Amino acid sequence: MRLVALDVARFIAAMMVVMFHFGALQMPVNGSFFFEVAKFGYLGAPIFFIISGFVILVSAAGRSAGEFAVARFVRLYPTFWFCLAVTITLMFLSGLARYTASGILANMTMLNNFLHVKDIDGVYWTLHSEMKFYGVIFLLLAVGFLKKYRVWVGVWAGFTVAKLVVGHVLHVGRALDMGCSPFFMSGVVMYLIMKDGMNRFNGIMLAVSVLLTGIKGFEQASDYMIGVSTLDRVLSVAIVLAFQLFLYLLARGKFRPPEMQGLVILGGMTYPLYLLHNRAGNAVRFVLQRYLPAGAAVAAAIAVVLGVSFVIHVLFERNVVRLMKAFLLKKYGDVAGRLRRG
């Protein structure tokens, strides 16, 4: 099942992050309209997490643990490796950075944070949070517990509230990023609402997840904005709540945009766009600003990254990655089942 509205939402979230990195960080002109809008772009990341919570449950439904693992591997790693190579090359050619072989190999695993190796691009931090979430869903599938939603979602909500109240939850944070947990949980609850309707459990979990994302959104504004005001915090919460309302209406079948191929492509471009815009995009901007005014260099760099993302999606992901997925699903899709059978 593919919801085209989420393709549009993904692209908007990605462009929010792009505007934040280029507008709020690279051209921080306080008081300008562009800056005042761009500074809220960091909210694209929690919106991604909400979408992921929803989409990953859709993806996991009806799949074995092996099929889920293969699907996630193919979705993440080939494009990541391609974009990592582009980033390393552009950073080297522009003279902005060089990387060691060990650092590159560690980053290629996406597990470099466990190895205490720095991310080559700072935006990779969200991938680590995603990987933890995927790992939990994989384990739930592997032990046949995913469909016990009321148990594990309830426990998860309890841990998340505990983290908010006491500041820690033993070693749970090693398995699941508790800082991002409210956003993932919100997406999961929206999936349950789409699947089962608005029953008592889903209603309670919806209220809990909305409350937790609101509190988290209010608190984390100071992590991304300098001199954050109460209005900034309130607007940050309002933006996240507005997206949750959008996803709720989508889950309830109240909103269905037309299924246009162009919208699907926008959604497909989102992942390479997110991976390339920061380091690689700024390498392009660094070169272009030698010949163009600062604003024009930023606009041109964004245009280049959008163009490259389109090419990667259409030529690489739709062809190479699709064939790879078919091959791996056929060969390893039931690996978990085979392991259980001995």
C-alpha atoms as a PDB file:
ATOM      1  CA  MET A   1       0.000   0.000   0.000  1.00  0.00           C
ATOM      2  CA  ARG A   2       1.345   3.407  -0.949  1.00  0.00           C
ATOM      3  CA  LEU A   3      -0.194   6.644   0.296  1.00  0.00           C
ATOM      4  CA  VAL A   4       0.796   9.376  -2.131  1.00  0.00           C
ATOM      5  CA  ALA A   5       0.021  12.043   0.453  1.00  0.00           C
ATOM      6  CA  LEU A   6       2.954  10.722   2.488  1.00  0.00           C
ATOM      7  CA  ASP A   7       5.249  11.118  -0.518  1.00  0.00           C
ATOM      8  CA  VAL A   8       4.348  14.799  -0.548  1.00  0.00           C
ATOM      9  CA  ALA A   9       4.775  15.005   3.232  1.00  0.00           C
ATOM     10  CA  ARG A  10       8.220  13.378   3.006  1.00  0.00           C
ATOM     11  CA  PHE A  11       9.340  15.837   0.368  1.00  0.00           C
ATOM     12  CA  ILE A  12       8.065  18.827   2.351  1.00  0.00           C
ATOM     13  CA  ALA A  13       9.832  17.528   5.473  1.00  0.00           C
ATOM     14  CA  ALA A  14      13.066  17.076   3.509  1.00  0.00           C
ATOM     15  CA  MET A  15      12.818  20.607   2.099  1.00  0.00           C
ATOM     16  CA  MET A  16      12.215  21.924   5.618  1.00  0.00           C
ATOM     17  CA  VAL A  17      15.521  20.391   6.692  1.00  0.00           C
ATOM     18  CA  VAL A  18      17.231  21.748   3.564  1.00  0.00           C
ATOM     19  CA  MET A  19      15.923  25.248   4.296  1.00  0.00           C
ATOM     20  CA  PHE A  20      17.053  24.948   7.903  1.00  0.00           C
ATOM     21  CA  HIS A  21      20.607  23.982   6.992  1.00  0.00           C
ATOM     22  CA  PHE A  22      20.968  26.494   4.177  1.00  0.00           C
ATOM     23  CA  GLY A  23      18.751  29.282   5.496  1.00  0.00           C
ATOM     24  CA  ALA A  24      19.035  29.224   9.269  1.00  0.00           C
ATOM     25  CA  LEU A  25      22.619  27.943   9.563  1.00  0.00           C
ATOM     26  CA  GLN A  26      24.383  29.189   6.419  1.00  0.00           C
ATOM     27  CA  MET A  27      22.607  32.561   6.087  1.00  0.00           C
ATOM     28  CA  PRO A  28      21.553  33.425   9.656  1.00  0.00           C
ATOM     29  CA  VAL A  29      20.130  36.919   9.168  1.00  0.00           C
ATOM     30  CA  ASN A  30      17.978  37.383  12.243  1.00  0.00           C
ATOM     31  CA  GLY A  31      14.764  39.214  11.580  1.00  0.00           C
ATOM     32  CA  SER A  32      14.614  38.441   7.863  1.00  0.00           C
ATOM     33  CA  PHE A  33      11.477  36.657   6.686  1.00  0.00           C
ATOM     34  CA  PHE A  34      13.485  33.803   5.145  1.00  0.00           C
ATOM     35  CA  PHE A  35      15.389  33.205   8.384  1.00  0.00           C
ATOM     36  CA  GLU A  36      12.263  33.373  10.536  1.00  0.00           C
ATOM     37  CA  VAL A  37      10.655  30.667   8.397  1.00  0.00           C
ATOM     38  CA  ALA A  38      13.772  28.549   7.809  1.00  0.00           C
ATOM     39  CA  LYS A  39      14.627  28.300  11.516  1.00  0.00           C
ATOM     40  CA  PHE A  40      11.640  25.978  11.990  1.00  0.00           C
ATOM     41  CA  GLY A  41      12.974  23.626   9.314  1.00  0.00           C
ATOM     42  CA  TYR A  42      14.593  21.353  11.904  1.00  0.00           C
ATOM     43  CA  LEU A  43      11.061  20.055  12.550  1.00  0.00           C
ATOM     44  CA  GLY A  44      11.397  18.091   9.319  1.00  0.00           C
ATOM     45  CA  ALA A  45      13.319  15.466  11.349  1.00  0.00           C
ATOM     46  CA  PRO A  46      10.579  14.716  13.913  1.00  0.00           C
ATOM     47  CA  ILE A  47       8.054  14.727  11.076  1.00  0.00           C
ATOM     48  CA  PHE A  48      10.197  12.080   9.350  1.00  0.00           C
ATOM     49  CA  PHE A  49      10.089  10.009  12.539  1.00  0.00           C
ATOM     50  CA  ILE A  50       6.296  10.239  12.718  1.00  0.00           C
ATOM     51  CA  ILE A  51       6.036   9.156   9.075  1.00  0.00           C
ATOM     52  CA  SER A  52       8.490   6.332   9.747  1.00  0.00           C
ATOM     53  CA  GLY A  53       6.482   5.038  12.702  1.00  0.00           C
ATOM     54  CA  PHE A  54       3.445   4.820  10.436  1.00  0.00           C
ATOM     55  CA  VAL A  55       5.120   3.487   7.292  1.00  0.00           C
ATOM     56  CA  ILE A  56       7.302   0.882   9.012  1.00  0.00           C
ATOM     57  CA  LEU A  57       4.267  -0.722  10.632  1.00  0.00           C
ATOM     58  CA  VAL A  58       2.569  -0.770   7.208  1.00  0.00           C
ATOM     59  CA  SER A  59       5.729  -2.329   5.746  1.00  0.00           C
ATOM     60  CA  ALA A  60       6.038  -4.923   8.524  1.00  0.00           C
ATOM     61  CA  ALA A  61       2.416  -6.069   8.395  1.00  0.00           C
ATOM     62  CA  GLY A  62       2.150  -9.483   6.725  1.00  0.00           C
ATOM     63  CA  ARG A  63       5.918  -9.860   6.347  1.00  0.00           C
ATOM     64  CA  SER A  64       8.328 -12.255   7.969  1.00  0.00           C
ATOM     65  CA  ALA A  65      11.258 -10.883   9.932  1.00  0.00           C
ATOM     66  CA  GLY A  66      13.574 -11.841   7.067  1.00  0.00           C
ATOM     67  CA  GLU A  67      11.442 -10.105   4.458  1.00  0.00           C
ATOM     68  CA  PHE A  68      11.271  -6.992   6.628  1.00  0.00           C
ATOM     69  CA  ALA A  69      15.044  -6.973   7.161  1.00  0.00           C
ATOM     70  CA  VAL A  70      15.751  -7.359   3.435  1.00  0.00           C
ATOM     71  CA  ALA A  71      13.247  -4.649   2.521  1.00  0.00           C
ATOM     72  CA  ARG A  72      14.777  -2.205   5.027  1.00  0.00           C
ATOM     73  CA  PHE A  73      18.349  -3.078   4.008  1.00  0.00           C
ATOM     74  CA  VAL A  74      17.616  -2.468   0.337  1.00  0.00           C
ATOM     75  CA  ARG A  75      15.702   0.716   1.088  1.00  0.00           C
ATOM     76  CA  LEU A  76      18.502   2.207   3.165  1.00  0.00           C
ATOM     77  CA  TYR A  77      21.937   0.922   2.286  1.00  0.00           C
ATOM     78  CA  PRO A  78      22.486   1.050  -1.513  1.00  0.00           C
ATOM     79  CA  THR A  79      21.317   4.658  -1.824  1.00  0.00           C
ATOM     80  CA  PHE A  80      23.198   5.568   1.342  1.00  0.00           C
ATOM     81  CA  TRP A  81      26.437   4.114  -0.027  1.00  0.00           C
ATOM     82  CA  PHE A  82      25.936   5.925  -3.331  1.00  0.00           C
ATOM     83  CA  CYS A  83      25.271   9.262  -1.627  1.00  0.00           C
ATOM     84  CA  LEU A  84      28.127   8.715   0.817  1.00  0.00           C
ATOM     85  CA  ALA A  85      30.480   8.259  -2.142  1.00  0.00           C
ATOM     86  CA  VAL A  86      29.172  11.459  -3.742  1.00  0.00           C
ATOM     87  CA  THR A  87      29.603  13.373  -0.474  1.00  0.00           C
ATOM     88  CA  ILE A  88      33.151  12.134   0.124  1.00  0.00           C
ATOM     89  CA  THR A  89      34.129  12.943  -3.470  1.00  0.00           C
ATOM     90  CA  LEU A  90      32.700  16.475  -3.417  1.00  0.00           C
ATOM     91  CA  MET A  91      34.195  17.261  -0.016  1.00  0.00           C
ATOM     92  CA  PHE A  92      37.594  16.099  -1.276  1.00  0.00           C
ATOM     93  CA  LEU A  93      37.414  17.974  -4.596  1.00  0.00           C
ATOM     94  CA  SER A  94      36.268  21.185  -2.897  1.00  0.00           C
ATOM     95  CA  GLY A  95      39.088  20.906  -0.377  1.00  0.00           C
ATOM     96  CA  LEU A  96      36.720  21.030   2.589  1.00  0.00           C
ATOM     97  CA  ALA A  97      37.540  17.651   4.124  1.00  0.00           C
ATOM     98  CA  ARG A  98      39.275  14.335   3.724  1.00  0.00           C
ATOM     99  CA  TYR A  99      38.303  11.124   5.449  1.00  0.00           C
ATOM    100  CA  THR A 100      40.185   8.057   6.615  1.00  0.00           C
ATOM    101  CA  ALA A 101      39.422   4.622   5.217  1.00  0.00           C
ATOM    102  CA  SER A 102      38.436   3.388   8.685  1.00  0.00           C
ATOM    103  CA  GLY A 103      36.028   6.306   9.127  1.00  0.00           C
ATOM    104  CA  ILE A 104      34.444   5.658   5.732  1.00  0.00           C
ATOM    105  CA  LEU A 105      34.042   1.930   6.383  1.00  0.00           C
ATOM    106  CA  ALA A 106      32.531   2.570   9.801  1.00  0.00           C
ATOM    107  CA  ASN A 107      30.055   5.038   8.321  1.00  0.00           C
ATOM    108  CA  MET A 108      29.104   2.554   5.614  1.00  0.00           C
ATOM    109  CA  THR A 109      27.726   0.245   8.298  1.00  0.00           C
ATOM    110  CA  MET A 110      25.437   2.994   9.687  1.00  0.00           C
ATOM    111  CA  LEU A 111      26.484   1.602  13.052  1.00  0.00           C
ATOM    112  CA  ASN A 112      29.435   3.949  13.466  1.00  0.00           C
ATOM    113  CA  ASN A 113      27.856   5.593  16.513  1.00  0.00           C
ATOM    114  CA  PHE A 114      28.158   2.273  18.359  1.00  0.00           C
ATOM    115  CA  LEU A 115      31.793   2.203  17.287  1.00  0.00           C
ATOM    116  CA  HIS A 116      32.280   5.790  18.488  1.00  0.00           C
ATOM    117  CA  VAL A 117      33.197   6.943  14.987  1.00  0.00           C
ATOM    118  CA  LYS A 118      31.988  10.394  13.950  1.00  0.00           C
ATOM    119  CA  ASP A 119      29.369  10.742  11.213  1.00  0.00           C
ATOM    120  CA  ILE A 120      30.780  11.978   7.907  1.00  0.00           C
ATOM    121  CA  ASP A 121      27.612  14.055   7.579  1.00  0.00           C
ATOM    122  CA  GLY A 122      25.808  15.323  10.663  1.00  0.00           C
ATOM    123  CA  VAL A 123      22.390  14.463   9.217  1.00  0.00           C
ATOM    124  CA  TYR A 124      23.181  10.770   9.614  1.00  0.00           C
ATOM    125  CA  TRP A 125      22.153  10.998  13.271  1.00  0.00           C
ATOM    126  CA  THR A 126      18.546  10.395  12.239  1.00  0.00           C
ATOM    127  CA  LEU A 127      19.571   7.146  10.527  1.00  0.00           C
ATOM    128  CA  HIS A 128      20.894   5.819  13.825  1.00  0.00           C
ATOM    129  CA  SER A 129      17.526   6.517  15.462  1.00  0.00           C
ATOM    130  CA  GLU A 130      15.736   4.864  12.557  1.00  0.00           C
ATOM    131  CA  MET A 131      17.977   1.797  12.755  1.00  0.00           C
ATOM    132  CA  LYS A 132      17.139   1.309  16.423  1.00  0.00           C
ATOM    133  CA  PHE A 133      13.432   1.509  15.646  1.00  0.00           C
ATOM    134  CA  TYR A 134      13.792  -0.958  12.758  1.00  0.00           C
ATOM    135  CA  GLY A 135      15.721  -3.305  15.032  1.00  0.00           C
ATOM    136  CA  VAL A 136      12.915  -3.363  17.584  1.00  0.00           C
ATOM    137  CA  ILE A 137      10.296  -4.052  14.896  1.00  0.00           C
ATOM    138  CA  PHE A 138      12.503  -6.826  13.464  1.00  0.00           C
ATOM    139  CA  LEU A 139      12.757  -8.488  16.887  1.00  0.00           C
ATOM    140  CA  LEU A 140       9.006  -8.211  17.430  1.00  0.00           C
ATOM    141  CA  LEU A 141       8.474  -9.918  14.071  1.00  0.00           C
ATOM    142  CA  ALA A 142      11.110 -12.562  14.743  1.00  0.00           C
ATOM    143  CA  VAL A 143       9.479 -13.662  18.011  1.00  0.00           C
ATOM    144  CA  GLY A 144       5.957 -13.397  16.600  1.00  0.00           C
ATOM    145  CA  PHE A 145       5.004 -10.558  18.946  1.00  0.00           C
ATOM    146  CA  LEU A 146       4.360  -7.680  16.543  1.00  0.00           C
ATOM    147  CA  LYS A 147       0.595  -8.203  16.503  1.00  0.00           C
ATOM    148  CA  LYS A 148       0.440  -7.888  20.307  1.00  0.00           C
ATOM    149  CA  TYR A 149       0.177  -4.146  19.778  1.00  0.00           C
ATOM    150  CA  ARG A 150      -1.555  -3.353  23.041  1.00  0.00           C
ATOM    151  CA  VAL A 151       1.244  -4.959  25.027  1.00  0.00           C
ATOM    152  CA  TRP A 152       4.350  -3.551  23.407  1.00  0.00           C
ATOM    153  CA  VAL A 153       2.912  -0.135  22.525  1.00  0.00           C
ATOM    154  CA  GLY A 154       1.652   0.211  26.105  1.00  0.00           C
ATOM    155  CA  VAL A 155       5.055  -0.760  27.529  1.00  0.00           C
ATOM    156  CA  TRP A 156       6.776   1.590  25.104  1.00  0.00           C
ATOM    157  CA  ALA A 157       4.508   4.447  26.182  1.00  0.00           C
ATOM    158  CA  GLY A 158       5.318   3.681  29.820  1.00  0.00           C
ATOM    159  CA  PHE A 159       9.068   3.818  29.182  1.00  0.00           C
ATOM    160  CA  THR A 160       8.679   7.056  27.228  1.00  0.00           C
ATOM    161  CA  VAL A 161       6.715   8.716  30.035  1.00  0.00           C
ATOM    162  CA  ALA A 162       9.301   7.466  32.543  1.00  0.00           C
ATOM    163  CA  LYS A 163      12.096   8.987  30.452  1.00  0.00           C
ATOM    164  CA  LEU A 164      10.235  12.298  30.429  1.00  0.00           C
ATOM    165  CA  VAL A 165       9.600  12.255  34.198  1.00  0.00           C
ATOM    166  CA  VAL A 166      12.832  10.850  35.660  1.00  0.00           C
ATOM    167  CA  GLY A 167      15.235  11.467  32.772  1.00  0.00           C
ATOM    168  CA  HIS A 168      16.339   7.861  32.245  1.00  0.00           C
ATOM    169  CA  VAL A 169      14.924   4.366  31.758  1.00  0.00           C
ATOM    170  CA  LEU A 170      17.807   2.053  32.649  1.00  0.00           C
ATOM    171  CA  HIS A 171      19.325   0.680  29.402  1.00  0.00           C
ATOM    172  CA  VAL A 172      16.255   0.982  27.179  1.00  0.00           C
ATOM    173  CA  GLY A 173      17.841   3.911  25.336  1.00  0.00           C
ATOM    174  CA  ARG A 174      20.448   1.556  23.901  1.00  0.00           C
ATOM    175  CA  ALA A 175      17.731  -0.358  22.071  1.00  0.00           C
ATOM    176  CA  LEU A 176      15.422   2.545  21.221  1.00  0.00           C
ATOM    177  CA  ASP A 177      16.183   6.245  20.917  1.00  0.00           C
ATOM    178  CA  MET A 178      14.000   7.526  23.748  1.00  0.00           C
ATOM    179  CA  GLY A 179      14.536  11.146  22.723  1.00  0.00           C
ATOM    180  CA  CYS A 180      12.793  10.472  19.405  1.00  0.00           C
ATOM    181  CA  SER A 181      10.431   7.863  20.836  1.00  0.00           C
ATOM    182  CA  PRO A 182       7.328  10.119  21.098  1.00  0.00           C
ATOM    183  CA  PHE A 183       7.446  10.831  17.366  1.00  0.00           C
ATOM    184  CA  PHE A 184       7.867   7.205  16.285  1.00  0.00           C
ATOM    185  CA  MET A 185       5.091   6.246  18.697  1.00  0.00           C
ATOM    186  CA  SER A 186       2.778   8.854  17.209  1.00  0.00           C
ATOM    187  CA  GLY A 187       3.188   7.291  13.756  1.00  0.00           C
ATOM    188  CA  VAL A 188       2.630   3.787  15.132  1.00  0.00           C
ATOM    189  CA  VAL A 189      -0.595   4.909  16.830  1.00  0.00           C
ATOM    190  CA  MET A 190      -1.800   6.476  13.566  1.00  0.00           C
ATOM    191  CA  TYR A 191      -1.231   3.106  11.881  1.00  0.00           C
ATOM    192  CA  LEU A 192      -3.272   1.363  14.576  1.00  0.00           C
ATOM    193  CA  ILE A 193      -6.072   3.887  14.054  1.00  0.00           C
ATOM    194  CA  MET A 194      -6.016   3.178  10.326  1.00  0.00           C
ATOM    195  CA  LYS A 195      -6.002  -0.578  10.984  1.00  0.00           C
ATOM    196  CA  ASP A 196      -8.515  -0.872  13.847  1.00  0.00           C
ATOM    197  CA  GLY A 197     -10.350   2.430  13.977  1.00  0.00           C
ATOM    198  CA  MET A 198     -10.699   4.666  17.019  1.00  0.00           C
ATOM    199  CA  ASN A 199     -11.194   2.248  19.911  1.00  0.00           C
ATOM    200  CA  ARG A 200     -10.468   2.987  23.572  1.00  0.00           C
ATOM    201  CA  PHE A 201      -6.844   1.826  23.504  1.00  0.00           C
ATOM    202  CA  ASN A 202      -6.033   3.737  20.324  1.00  0.00           C
ATOM    203  CA  GLY A 203      -7.727   6.842  21.679  1.00  0.00           C
ATOM    204  CA  ILE A 204      -5.694   6.721  24.894  1.00  0.00           C
ATOM    205  CA  MET A 205      -2.454   6.100  23.015  1.00  0.00           C
ATOM    206  CA  LEU A 206      -3.271   8.921  20.610  1.00  0.00           C
ATOM    207  CA  ALA A 207      -3.756  11.318  23.513  1.00  0.00           C
ATOM    208  CA  VAL A 208      -0.527  10.119  25.160  1.00  0.00           C
ATOM    209  CA  SER A 209       1.525  10.383  21.960  1.00  0.00           C
ATOM    210  CA  VAL A 210       0.166  13.846  21.122  1.00  0.00           C
ATOM    211  CA  LEU A 211       0.930  15.035  24.661  1.00  0.00           C
ATOM    212  CA  LEU A 212       4.447  13.584  24.562  1.00  0.00           C
ATOM    213  CA  THR A 213       5.276  15.036  21.133  1.00  0.00           C
ATOM    214  CA  GLY A 214       3.944  18.401  22.299  1.00  0.00           C
ATOM    215  CA  ILE A 215       6.155  18.381  25.387  1.00  0.00           C
ATOM    216  CA  LYS A 216       9.159  17.187  23.392  1.00  0.00           C
ATOM    217  CA  GLY A 217       8.544  19.770  20.678  1.00  0.00           C
ATOM    218  CA  PHE A 218       8.330  22.548  23.272  1.00  0.00           C
ATOM    219  CA  GLU A 219      11.541  21.442  24.972  1.00  0.00           C
ATOM    220  CA  GLN A 220      13.741  20.716  21.947  1.00  0.00           C
ATOM    221  CA  ALA A 221      13.211  24.087  20.260  1.00  0.00           C
ATOM    222  CA  SER A 222      16.107  25.477  22.313  1.00  0.00           C
ATOM    223  CA  ASP A 223      18.381  22.750  20.905  1.00  0.00           C
ATOM    224  CA  TYR A 224      18.020  24.182  17.395  1.00  0.00           C
ATOM    225  CA  MET A 225      17.190  27.875  17.780  1.00  0.00           C
ATOM    226  CA  ILE A 226      19.378  30.595  19.269  1.00  0.00           C
ATOM    227  CA  GLY A 227      17.550  32.918  21.644  1.00  0.00           C
ATOM    228  CA  VAL A 228      14.388  30.853  21.375  1.00  0.00           C
ATOM    229  CA  SER A 229      11.227  32.623  22.527  1.00  0.00           C
ATOM    230  CA  THR A 230       8.047  31.195  24.007  1.00  0.00           C
ATOM    231  CA  LEU A 231       6.325  31.989  20.701  1.00  0.00           C
ATOM    232  CA  ASP A 232       8.974  29.973  18.852  1.00  0.00           C
ATOM    233  CA  ARG A 233       8.310  27.014  21.139  1.00  0.00           C
ATOM    234  CA  VAL A 234       4.540  27.286  20.721  1.00  0.00           C
ATOM    235  CA  LEU A 235       4.850  27.500  16.938  1.00  0.00           C
ATOM    236  CA  SER A 236       7.155  24.465  16.924  1.00  0.00           C
ATOM    237  CA  VAL A 237       4.537  22.452  18.816  1.00  0.00           C
ATOM    238  CA  ALA A 238       1.791  23.749  16.519  1.00  0.00           C
ATOM    239  CA  ILE A 239       3.669  22.644  13.374  1.00  0.00           C
ATOM    240  CA  VAL A 240       4.121  19.092  14.709  1.00  0.00           C
ATOM    241  CA  LEU A 241       0.494  18.953  15.868  1.00  0.00           C
ATOM    242  CA  ALA A 242      -0.673  20.155  12.443  1.00  0.00           C
ATOM    243  CA  PHE A 243       1.196  17.296  10.796  1.00  0.00           C
ATOM    244  CA  GLN A 244      -0.287  14.822  13.276  1.00  0.00           C
ATOM    245  CA  LEU A 245      -3.761  16.102  12.392  1.00  0.00           C
ATOM    246  CA  PHE A 246      -2.947  15.612   8.711  1.00  0.00           C
ATOM    247  CA  LEU A 247      -1.795  12.027   9.336  1.00  0.00           C
ATOM    248  CA  TYR A 248      -4.817  11.336  11.522  1.00  0.00           C
ATOM    249  CA  LEU A 249      -7.165  12.451   8.736  1.00  0.00           C
ATOM    250  CA  LEU A 250      -5.196  10.281   6.314  1.00  0.00           C
ATOM    251  CA  ALA A 251      -5.398   7.278   8.638  1.00  0.00           C
ATOM    252  CA  ARG A 252      -9.140   7.761   9.037  1.00  0.00           C
ATOM    253  CA  GLY A 253      -9.653   7.953   5.289  1.00  0.00           C
ATOM    254  CA  LYS A 254     -10.804  11.579   5.452  1.00  0.00           C
ATOM    255  CA  PHE A 255      -8.146  12.821   3.047  1.00  0.00           C
ATOM    256  CA  ARG A 256      -7.025  11.250  -0.236  1.00  0.00           C
ATOM    257  CA  PRO A 257      -5.145  13.400  -2.750  1.00  0.00           C
ATOM    258  CA  PRO A 258      -5.019  12.311  -6.404  1.00  0.00           C
ATOM    259  CA  GLU A 259      -2.382   9.657  -7.145  1.00  0.00           C
ATOM    260  CA  MET A 260      -0.088  11.466  -9.539  1.00  0.00           C
ATOM    261  CA  GLN A 261       3.188   9.929 -10.681  1.00  0.00           C
ATOM    262  CA  GLY A 262       5.005  13.203 -10.108  1.00  0.00           C
ATOM    263  CA  LEU A 263       4.081  13.111  -6.426  1.00  0.00           C
ATOM    264  CA  VAL A 264       5.453   9.591  -6.099  1.00  0.00           C
ATOM    265  CA  ILE A 265       8.729  10.782  -7.633  1.00  0.00           C
ATOM    266  CA  LEU A 266       8.927  13.623  -5.112  1.00  0.00           C
ATOM    267  CA  GLY A 267       8.629  11.059  -2.340  1.00  0.00           C
ATOM    268  CA  GLY A 268      11.298   8.911  -3.960  1.00  0.00           C
ATOM    269  CA  MET A 269      13.703  11.847  -4.204  1.00  0.00           C
ATOM    270  CA  THR A 270      13.434  12.526  -0.489  1.00  0.00           C
ATOM    271  CA  TYR A 271      16.028  10.049   0.780  1.00  0.00           C
ATOM    272  CA  PRO A 272      18.896  11.026  -1.538  1.00  0.00           C
ATOM    273  CA  LEU A 273      17.948  14.695  -1.081  1.00  0.00           C
ATOM    274  CA  TYR A 274      18.216  14.344   2.673  1.00  0.00           C
ATOM    275  CA  LEU A 275      21.545  12.489   2.457  1.00  0.00           C
ATOM    276  CA  LEU A 276      23.172  14.909   0.004  1.00  0.00           C
ATOM    277  CA  HIS A 277      21.944  18.377   0.878  1.00  0.00           C
ATOM    278  CA  ASN A 278      24.092  19.100   3.902  1.00  0.00           C
ATOM    279  CA  ARG A 279      27.744  18.204   3.273  1.00  0.00           C
ATOM    280  CA  ALA A 280      27.615  17.636  -0.485  1.00  0.00           C
ATOM    281  CA  GLY A 281      25.261  20.572  -0.999  1.00  0.00           C
ATOM    282  CA  ASN A 282      27.471  22.877   0.979  1.00  0.00           C
ATOM    283  CA  ALA A 283      30.516  21.720  -0.960  1.00  0.00           C
ATOM    284  CA  VAL A 284      28.695  22.820  -4.124  1.00  0.00           C
ATOM    285  CA  ARG A 285      27.713  26.110  -2.461  1.00  0.00           C
ATOM    286  CA  PHE A 286      31.325  26.658  -1.341  1.00  0.00           C
ATOM    287  CA  VAL A 287      32.540  26.402  -4.941  1.00  0.00           C
ATOM    288  CA  LEU A 288      29.690  28.426  -6.464  1.00  0.00           C
ATOM    289  CA  GLN A 289      30.029  31.334  -4.056  1.00  0.00           C
ATOM    290  CA  ARG A 290      33.372  32.146  -5.665  1.00  0.00           C
ATOM    291  CA  TYR A 291      31.419  33.194  -8.745  1.00  0.00           C
ATOM    292  CA  LEU A 292      27.944  34.070  -7.448  1.00  0.00           C
ATOM    293  CA  PRO A 293      26.440  36.211  -4.694  1.00  0.00           C
ATOM    294  CA  ALA A 294      25.756  34.285  -1.479  1.00  0.00           C
ATOM    295  CA  GLY A 295      21.994  33.981  -2.010  1.00  0.00           C
ATOM    296  CA  ALA A 296      22.379  32.884  -5.620  1.00  0.00           C
ATOM    297  CA  ALA A 297      25.029  30.314  -4.640  1.00  0.00           C
ATOM    298  CA  VAL A 298      22.669  28.807  -2.060  1.00  0.00           C
ATOM    299  CA  ALA A 299      19.769  28.673  -4.537  1.00  0.00           C
ATOM    300  CA  ALA A 300      21.995  27.101  -7.195  1.00  0.00           C
ATOM    301  CA  ALA A 301      23.378  24.534  -4.738  1.00  0.00           C
ATOM    302  CA  ILE A 302      19.856  23.504  -3.724  1.00  0.00           C
ATOM    303  CA  ALA A 303      18.886  23.202  -7.386  1.00  0.00           C
ATOM    304  CA  VAL A 304      21.927  20.991  -8.055  1.00  0.00           C
ATOM    305  CA  VAL A 305      21.132  18.721  -5.102  1.00  0.00           C
ATOM    306  CA  LEU A 306      17.501  18.429  -6.211  1.00  0.00           C
ATOM    307  CA  GLY A 307      18.622  17.506  -9.723  1.00  0.00           C
ATOM    308  CA  VAL A 308      21.112  14.909  -8.525  1.00  0.00           C
ATOM    309  CA  SER A 309      18.511  13.440  -6.145  1.00  0.00           C
ATOM    310  CA  PHE A 310      16.069  13.097  -9.027  1.00  0.00           C
ATOM    311  CA  VAL A 311      18.661  11.277 -11.151  1.00  0.00           C
ATOM    312  CA  ILE A 312      19.643   8.951  -8.292  1.00  0.00           C
ATOM    313  CA  HIS A 313      16.020   8.026  -7.645  1.00  0.00           C
ATOM    314  CA  VAL A 314      14.967   7.539 -11.259  1.00  0.00           C
ATOM    315  CA  LEU A 315      18.085   5.825 -12.599  1.00  0.00           C
ATOM    316  CA  PHE A 316      19.608   4.111  -9.565  1.00  0.00           C
ATOM    317  CA  GLU A 317      16.835   3.385  -7.072  1.00  0.00           C
ATOM    318  CA  ARG A 318      14.166   2.479  -9.626  1.00  0.00           C
ATOM    319  CA  ASN A 319      16.449   0.138 -11.525  1.00  0.00           C
ATOM    320  CA  VAL A 320      19.488  -1.154  -9.635  1.00  0.00           C
ATOM    321  CA  VAL A 321      17.895  -1.094  -6.184  1.00  0.00           C
ATOM    322  CA  ARG A 322      14.646  -2.648  -7.390  1.00  0.00           C
ATOM    323  CA  LEU A 323      16.503  -5.580  -8.971  1.00  0.00           C
ATOM    324  CA  MET A 324      18.614  -5.973  -5.838  1.00  0.00           C
ATOM    325  CA  LYS A 325      15.484  -6.092  -3.690  1.00  0.00           C
ATOM    326  CA  ALA A 326      13.868  -8.791  -5.830  1.00  0.00           C
ATOM    327  CA  PHE A 327      17.039 -10.911  -5.718  1.00  0.00           C
ATOM    328  CA  LEU A 328      17.585 -10.576  -1.958  1.00  0.00           C
ATOM    329  CA  LEU A 329      13.948 -11.225  -1.082  1.00  0.00           C
ATOM    330  CA  LYS A 330      14.025 -14.412  -3.113  1.00  0.00           C
ATOM    331  CA  LYS A 331      17.313 -15.579  -1.602  1.00  0.00           C
ATOM    332  CA  TYR A 332      17.109 -14.369   2.004  1.00  0.00           C
ATOM    333  CA  GLY A 333      13.517 -13.304   2.619  1.00  0.00           C
ATOM    334  CA  ASP A 334      12.742 -16.274   4.875  1.00  0.00           C
ATOM    335  CA  VAL A 335      16.070 -16.399   6.676  1.00  0.00           C
ATOM    336  CA  ALA A 336      14.468 -15.879  10.095  1.00  0.00           C
ATOM    337  CA  GLY A 337      12.020 -18.693   9.460  1.00  0.00           C
ATOM    338  CA  ARG A 338      14.817 -21.026   8.442  1.00  0.00           C
ATOM    339  CA  LEU A 339      16.749 -20.173  11.604  1.00  0.00           C
ATOM    340  CA  ARG A 340      13.715 -20.980  13.759  1.00  0.00           C
ATOM    341  CA  ARG A 341      13.305 -24.307  11.960  1.00  0.00           C
ATOM    342  CA  GLY A 342      16.902 -25.164  12.787  1.00  0.00           C
END
